[in-house]
């Protein structure tokens, strides 16, 4: 009887670990850099999949929406550098949000 209970707990632990793997392997990322007067962002997921069609918003510090668009078929977006302070929000769904403040953009000076 003790062997059956031990086997049950081991099987439950192994099953729980397997179910959790997809969650760990699918977190979003976004990298942005300044190219001349434009900002170029590349999105994707940690498992190597692309982020085509994922919503990307550019918002100023007064919470006004400057730009709302989706990543293209190459998981990229290019837009003119906004004036003033802003942040970029990549929203791939609940629990899959990336926020980039303007000083974190490669090539931007604070």
N, C-alpha and C. Protein backbone atom coordinates (compact mmCIF):
# COMPACT_ATOMS: atom_id res chain seq x y z
N UNK A 1 0.81 -1.19 0.00
CA UNK A 1 0.00 0.00 0.00
C UNK A 1 0.86 1.26 0.00
N UNK A 2 1.92 1.26 0.82
CA UNK A 2 2.80 2.43 0.86
C UNK A 2 3.47 2.64 -0.49
N UNK A 3 3.78 1.57 -1.19
CA UNK A 3 4.39 1.67 -2.51
C UNK A 3 3.44 2.34 -3.50
N UNK A 4 2.17 2.01 -3.43
CA UNK A 4 1.19 2.63 -4.33
C UNK A 4 1.05 4.13 -4.07
N UNK A 5 1.04 4.52 -2.80
CA UNK A 5 0.94 5.94 -2.46
C UNK A 5 2.19 6.67 -2.91
N UNK A 6 3.34 6.08 -2.66
CA UNK A 6 4.61 6.69 -3.08
C UNK A 6 4.63 6.84 -4.61
N UNK A 7 4.22 5.80 -5.32
CA UNK A 7 4.17 5.85 -6.79
C UNK A 7 3.22 6.96 -7.25
N UNK A 8 2.08 7.10 -6.60
CA UNK A 8 1.10 8.13 -6.95
C UNK A 8 1.72 9.52 -6.82
N UNK A 9 2.40 9.80 -5.70
CA UNK A 9 3.00 11.11 -5.48
C UNK A 9 4.13 11.39 -6.47
N UNK A 10 4.92 10.39 -6.76
CA UNK A 10 5.99 10.57 -7.75
C UNK A 10 5.40 10.85 -9.12
N UNK A 11 4.37 10.11 -9.51
CA UNK A 11 3.72 10.34 -10.80
C UNK A 11 3.09 11.72 -10.86
N UNK A 12 2.46 12.16 -9.76
CA UNK A 12 1.84 13.48 -9.71
C UNK A 12 2.89 14.58 -9.85
N UNK A 13 4.02 14.42 -9.18
CA UNK A 13 5.10 15.39 -9.27
C UNK A 13 5.66 15.47 -10.69
N UNK A 14 5.87 14.33 -11.31
CA UNK A 14 6.39 14.32 -12.69
C UNK A 14 5.39 14.95 -13.65
N UNK A 15 4.12 14.65 -13.51
CA UNK A 15 3.10 15.22 -14.37
C UNK A 15 3.04 16.74 -14.20
N UNK A 16 3.10 17.21 -12.95
CA UNK A 16 3.08 18.65 -12.68
C UNK A 16 4.27 19.35 -13.33
N UNK A 17 5.42 18.73 -13.29
CA UNK A 17 6.61 19.31 -13.92
C UNK A 17 6.45 19.42 -15.42
N UNK A 18 5.88 18.41 -16.04
CA UNK A 18 5.68 18.44 -17.49
C UNK A 18 4.65 19.48 -17.90
N UNK A 19 3.61 19.64 -17.12
CA UNK A 19 2.58 20.63 -17.43
C UNK A 19 3.14 22.04 -17.32
N UNK A 20 4.05 22.27 -16.40
CA UNK A 20 4.61 23.60 -16.18
C UNK A 20 5.65 23.98 -17.23
N UNK A 21 6.25 23.04 -17.94
CA UNK A 21 7.29 23.35 -18.92
C UNK A 21 6.86 24.35 -19.98
N UNK A 22 5.69 24.22 -20.60
CA UNK A 22 5.31 25.20 -21.62
C UNK A 22 5.21 26.62 -21.08
N UNK A 23 4.85 26.78 -19.82
CA UNK A 23 4.77 28.10 -19.23
C UNK A 23 6.16 28.72 -19.14
N UNK A 24 7.14 27.95 -18.72
CA UNK A 24 8.50 28.45 -18.60
C UNK A 24 9.11 28.77 -19.96
N UNK A 25 8.73 28.07 -20.97
CA UNK A 25 9.39 28.17 -22.27
C UNK A 25 8.73 29.18 -23.19
N UNK A 26 7.79 29.97 -22.69
CA UNK A 26 7.06 30.83 -23.60
C UNK A 26 6.87 32.24 -23.04
N UNK A 27 7.92 32.86 -22.58
CA UNK A 27 7.81 34.23 -22.09
C UNK A 27 8.19 35.19 -23.22
N UNK A 28 7.48 36.33 -23.31
CA UNK A 28 7.75 37.28 -24.39
C UNK A 28 9.00 38.10 -24.12
N UNK A 29 9.59 38.59 -25.19
CA UNK A 29 10.70 39.53 -25.07
C UNK A 29 10.57 40.56 -26.19
N UNK A 30 11.18 41.70 -25.97
CA UNK A 30 11.16 42.77 -26.97
C UNK A 30 12.43 43.59 -26.80
N UNK A 31 13.12 43.82 -27.89
CA UNK A 31 14.32 44.64 -27.88
C UNK A 31 14.11 45.79 -28.85
N UNK A 32 14.44 47.00 -28.40
CA UNK A 32 14.26 48.18 -29.24
C UNK A 32 15.59 48.93 -29.33
N UNK A 33 15.81 49.54 -30.49
CA UNK A 33 17.01 50.36 -30.66
C UNK A 33 16.68 51.55 -31.54
N UNK A 34 17.47 52.59 -31.36
CA UNK A 34 17.33 53.81 -32.13
C UNK A 34 18.15 53.68 -33.41
N UNK A 35 17.50 53.92 -34.55
CA UNK A 35 18.18 53.92 -35.85
C UNK A 35 17.85 55.24 -36.53
N UNK A 36 18.76 56.21 -36.40
CA UNK A 36 18.50 57.54 -36.94
C UNK A 36 17.39 58.20 -36.16
N UNK A 37 16.33 58.62 -36.85
CA UNK A 37 15.18 59.24 -36.21
C UNK A 37 14.06 58.24 -35.95
N UNK A 38 14.35 56.96 -36.09
CA UNK A 38 13.33 55.92 -35.92
C UNK A 38 13.73 54.95 -34.81
N UNK A 39 12.73 54.36 -34.21
CA UNK A 39 12.93 53.29 -33.24
C UNK A 39 12.47 52.00 -33.90
N UNK A 40 13.30 50.98 -33.80
CA UNK A 40 12.98 49.67 -34.37
C UNK A 40 12.90 48.67 -33.21
N UNK A 41 11.79 47.97 -33.12
CA UNK A 41 11.60 46.96 -32.07
C UNK A 41 11.43 45.59 -32.69
N UNK A 42 12.02 44.60 -32.06
CA UNK A 42 11.92 43.20 -32.48
C UNK A 42 11.35 42.42 -31.31
N UNK A 43 10.24 41.73 -31.54
CA UNK A 43 9.61 40.94 -30.49
C UNK A 43 9.72 39.46 -30.76
N UNK A 44 9.40 38.68 -29.78
CA UNK A 44 9.40 37.24 -29.92
C UNK A 44 9.14 36.58 -28.59
N UNK A 45 9.29 35.27 -28.57
CA UNK A 45 9.09 34.50 -27.36
C UNK A 45 10.35 33.70 -27.06
N UNK A 46 10.53 33.38 -25.80
CA UNK A 46 11.75 32.70 -25.36
C UNK A 46 11.93 31.31 -25.96
N UNK A 47 10.86 30.74 -26.50
CA UNK A 47 11.00 29.43 -27.14
C UNK A 47 11.40 29.55 -28.61
N UNK A 48 11.68 30.79 -29.05
CA UNK A 48 12.12 31.01 -30.42
C UNK A 48 11.02 31.36 -31.39
N UNK A 49 9.77 31.28 -30.96
CA UNK A 49 8.67 31.60 -31.87
C UNK A 49 8.54 33.10 -32.04
N UNK A 50 7.99 33.50 -33.17
CA UNK A 50 7.82 34.91 -33.49
C UNK A 50 6.62 35.51 -32.78
N UNK A 51 6.48 36.81 -32.93
CA UNK A 51 5.40 37.55 -32.28
C UNK A 51 4.58 38.33 -33.30
N UNK A 52 4.45 37.79 -34.49
CA UNK A 52 3.68 38.45 -35.55
C UNK A 52 2.26 38.75 -35.07
N UNK A 53 1.84 40.00 -35.28
CA UNK A 53 0.48 40.41 -34.93
C UNK A 53 0.28 40.81 -33.49
N UNK A 54 1.32 40.72 -32.66
CA UNK A 54 1.19 41.10 -31.25
C UNK A 54 1.13 42.62 -31.14
N UNK A 55 0.26 43.10 -30.27
CA UNK A 55 0.02 44.53 -30.07
C UNK A 55 1.21 45.21 -29.41
N UNK A 56 1.61 46.38 -29.94
CA UNK A 56 2.66 47.19 -29.35
C UNK A 56 2.13 48.62 -29.27
N UNK A 57 2.18 49.20 -28.08
CA UNK A 57 1.73 50.57 -27.86
C UNK A 57 2.90 51.42 -27.41
N UNK A 58 2.90 52.68 -27.84
CA UNK A 58 3.85 53.67 -27.37
C UNK A 58 3.03 54.70 -26.61
N UNK A 59 3.39 54.94 -25.35
CA UNK A 59 2.58 55.75 -24.46
C UNK A 59 3.48 56.79 -23.78
N UNK A 60 3.01 58.05 -23.72
CA UNK A 60 3.82 59.05 -23.02
C UNK A 60 3.54 59.00 -21.53
N UNK A 61 4.31 59.77 -20.75
CA UNK A 61 4.20 59.70 -19.30
C UNK A 61 2.90 60.28 -18.76
N UNK A 62 2.13 60.99 -19.61
CA UNK A 62 0.80 61.46 -19.23
C UNK A 62 -0.26 60.41 -19.53
N UNK A 63 0.19 59.22 -19.95
CA UNK A 63 -0.68 58.08 -20.32
C UNK A 63 -1.48 58.32 -21.60
N UNK A 64 -0.99 59.22 -22.46
CA UNK A 64 -1.60 59.43 -23.78
C UNK A 64 -1.00 58.42 -24.75
N UNK A 65 -1.85 57.80 -25.55
CA UNK A 65 -1.40 56.83 -26.54
C UNK A 65 -0.79 57.57 -27.74
N UNK A 66 0.48 57.31 -28.01
CA UNK A 66 1.18 57.93 -29.14
C UNK A 66 1.04 57.07 -30.38
N UNK A 67 1.17 55.77 -30.22
CA UNK A 67 1.11 54.83 -31.33
C UNK A 67 0.54 53.51 -30.84
N UNK A 68 -0.30 52.91 -31.64
CA UNK A 68 -0.81 51.58 -31.36
C UNK A 68 -0.77 50.81 -32.67
N UNK A 69 0.01 49.74 -32.70
CA UNK A 69 0.16 48.97 -33.92
C UNK A 69 0.49 47.52 -33.55
N UNK A 70 0.68 46.71 -34.56
CA UNK A 70 1.02 45.30 -34.34
C UNK A 70 2.36 45.00 -35.00
N UNK A 71 3.08 44.04 -34.46
CA UNK A 71 4.34 43.61 -35.06
C UNK A 71 4.06 42.96 -36.41
N UNK A 72 4.95 43.20 -37.37
CA UNK A 72 4.75 42.67 -38.72
C UNK A 72 5.09 41.18 -38.81
N UNK A 73 5.10 40.65 -40.02
CA UNK A 73 5.34 39.22 -40.22
C UNK A 73 6.74 38.78 -39.80
N UNK A 74 7.64 39.74 -39.59
CA UNK A 74 8.99 39.43 -39.11
C UNK A 74 9.13 39.77 -37.62
N UNK A 75 7.99 40.01 -36.97
CA UNK A 75 7.94 40.35 -35.54
C UNK A 75 8.67 41.66 -35.24
N UNK A 76 8.59 42.60 -36.19
CA UNK A 76 9.27 43.89 -36.05
C UNK A 76 8.27 45.03 -36.22
N UNK A 77 8.67 46.20 -35.73
CA UNK A 77 7.93 47.43 -35.97
C UNK A 77 8.94 48.57 -36.01
N UNK A 78 8.67 49.54 -36.84
CA UNK A 78 9.54 50.71 -36.99
C UNK A 78 8.65 51.93 -36.94
N UNK A 79 9.02 52.90 -36.10
CA UNK A 79 8.20 54.11 -35.97
C UNK A 79 9.10 55.31 -35.64
N UNK A 80 8.63 56.53 -35.96
CA UNK A 80 9.42 57.72 -35.66
C UNK A 80 9.62 57.89 -34.16
N UNK A 81 10.80 58.36 -33.79
CA UNK A 81 11.10 58.60 -32.37
C UNK A 81 10.15 59.67 -31.84
N UNK A 82 9.39 59.37 -30.80
CA UNK A 82 8.48 60.37 -30.23
C UNK A 82 9.25 61.46 -29.49
N UNK A 83 8.64 62.62 -29.38
CA UNK A 83 9.19 63.69 -28.56
C UNK A 83 8.86 63.41 -27.09
N UNK A 84 9.71 63.82 -26.20
CA UNK A 84 9.44 63.68 -24.77
C UNK A 84 9.67 62.27 -24.26
N UNK A 85 9.23 62.08 -23.02
CA UNK A 85 9.42 60.80 -22.34
C UNK A 85 8.27 59.86 -22.69
N UNK A 86 8.60 58.59 -22.85
CA UNK A 86 7.59 57.60 -23.24
C UNK A 86 8.05 56.21 -22.84
N UNK A 87 7.13 55.28 -22.96
CA UNK A 87 7.48 53.87 -22.77
C UNK A 87 6.76 53.03 -23.81
N UNK A 88 7.27 51.84 -24.03
CA UNK A 88 6.72 50.91 -25.03
C UNK A 88 6.13 49.72 -24.28
N UNK A 89 4.93 49.34 -24.68
CA UNK A 89 4.23 48.24 -24.04
C UNK A 89 3.90 47.19 -25.09
N UNK A 90 4.49 46.00 -24.93
CA UNK A 90 4.19 44.86 -25.80
C UNK A 90 3.23 43.96 -25.03
N UNK A 91 2.02 43.79 -25.54
CA UNK A 91 0.99 43.05 -24.82
C UNK A 91 0.63 41.78 -25.58
N UNK A 92 1.16 40.65 -25.11
CA UNK A 92 0.89 39.36 -25.75
C UNK A 92 -0.16 38.58 -24.98
N UNK A 93 -0.90 39.25 -24.10
CA UNK A 93 -1.97 38.60 -23.35
C UNK A 93 -1.67 38.58 -21.86
N UNK A 94 -2.62 38.09 -21.06
CA UNK A 94 -2.44 38.07 -19.61
C UNK A 94 -1.15 37.37 -19.19
N UNK A 95 -0.36 38.08 -18.38
CA UNK A 95 0.90 37.52 -17.90
C UNK A 95 2.02 37.55 -18.93
N UNK A 96 1.77 38.12 -20.09
CA UNK A 96 2.76 38.18 -21.17
C UNK A 96 2.92 39.62 -21.64
N UNK A 97 3.32 40.50 -20.73
CA UNK A 97 3.48 41.92 -21.04
C UNK A 97 4.93 42.31 -20.83
N UNK A 98 5.47 43.06 -21.79
CA UNK A 98 6.83 43.59 -21.68
C UNK A 98 6.72 45.11 -21.75
N UNK A 99 7.35 45.79 -20.80
CA UNK A 99 7.37 47.25 -20.78
C UNK A 99 8.81 47.72 -20.90
N UNK A 100 9.04 48.65 -21.82
CA UNK A 100 10.38 49.19 -22.05
C UNK A 100 10.30 50.70 -21.89
N UNK A 101 11.02 51.24 -20.92
CA UNK A 101 11.07 52.68 -20.72
C UNK A 101 12.08 53.28 -21.69
N UNK A 102 11.85 54.50 -22.15
CA UNK A 102 12.68 55.06 -23.23
C UNK A 102 14.18 55.03 -22.95
N UNK A 103 14.67 55.25 -21.70
CA UNK A 103 16.12 55.18 -21.49
C UNK A 103 16.70 53.77 -21.70
N UNK A 104 15.84 52.74 -21.70
CA UNK A 104 16.31 51.36 -21.89
C UNK A 104 16.49 51.01 -23.36
N UNK A 105 16.09 51.90 -24.26
CA UNK A 105 16.22 51.65 -25.69
C UNK A 105 17.67 51.87 -26.11
N UNK A 106 18.23 50.91 -26.80
CA UNK A 106 19.62 50.99 -27.25
C UNK A 106 19.82 52.23 -28.12
N UNK A 107 20.80 53.06 -27.77
CA UNK A 107 21.11 54.25 -28.55
C UNK A 107 20.44 55.52 -28.05
N UNK A 108 19.52 55.40 -27.11
CA UNK A 108 18.85 56.58 -26.55
C UNK A 108 19.70 57.15 -25.43
N UNK A 109 19.76 58.45 -25.36
CA UNK A 109 20.49 59.12 -24.28
C UNK A 109 19.49 59.63 -23.27
N UNK A 110 19.77 59.40 -22.00
CA UNK A 110 18.85 59.87 -20.95
C UNK A 110 19.17 61.28 -20.52
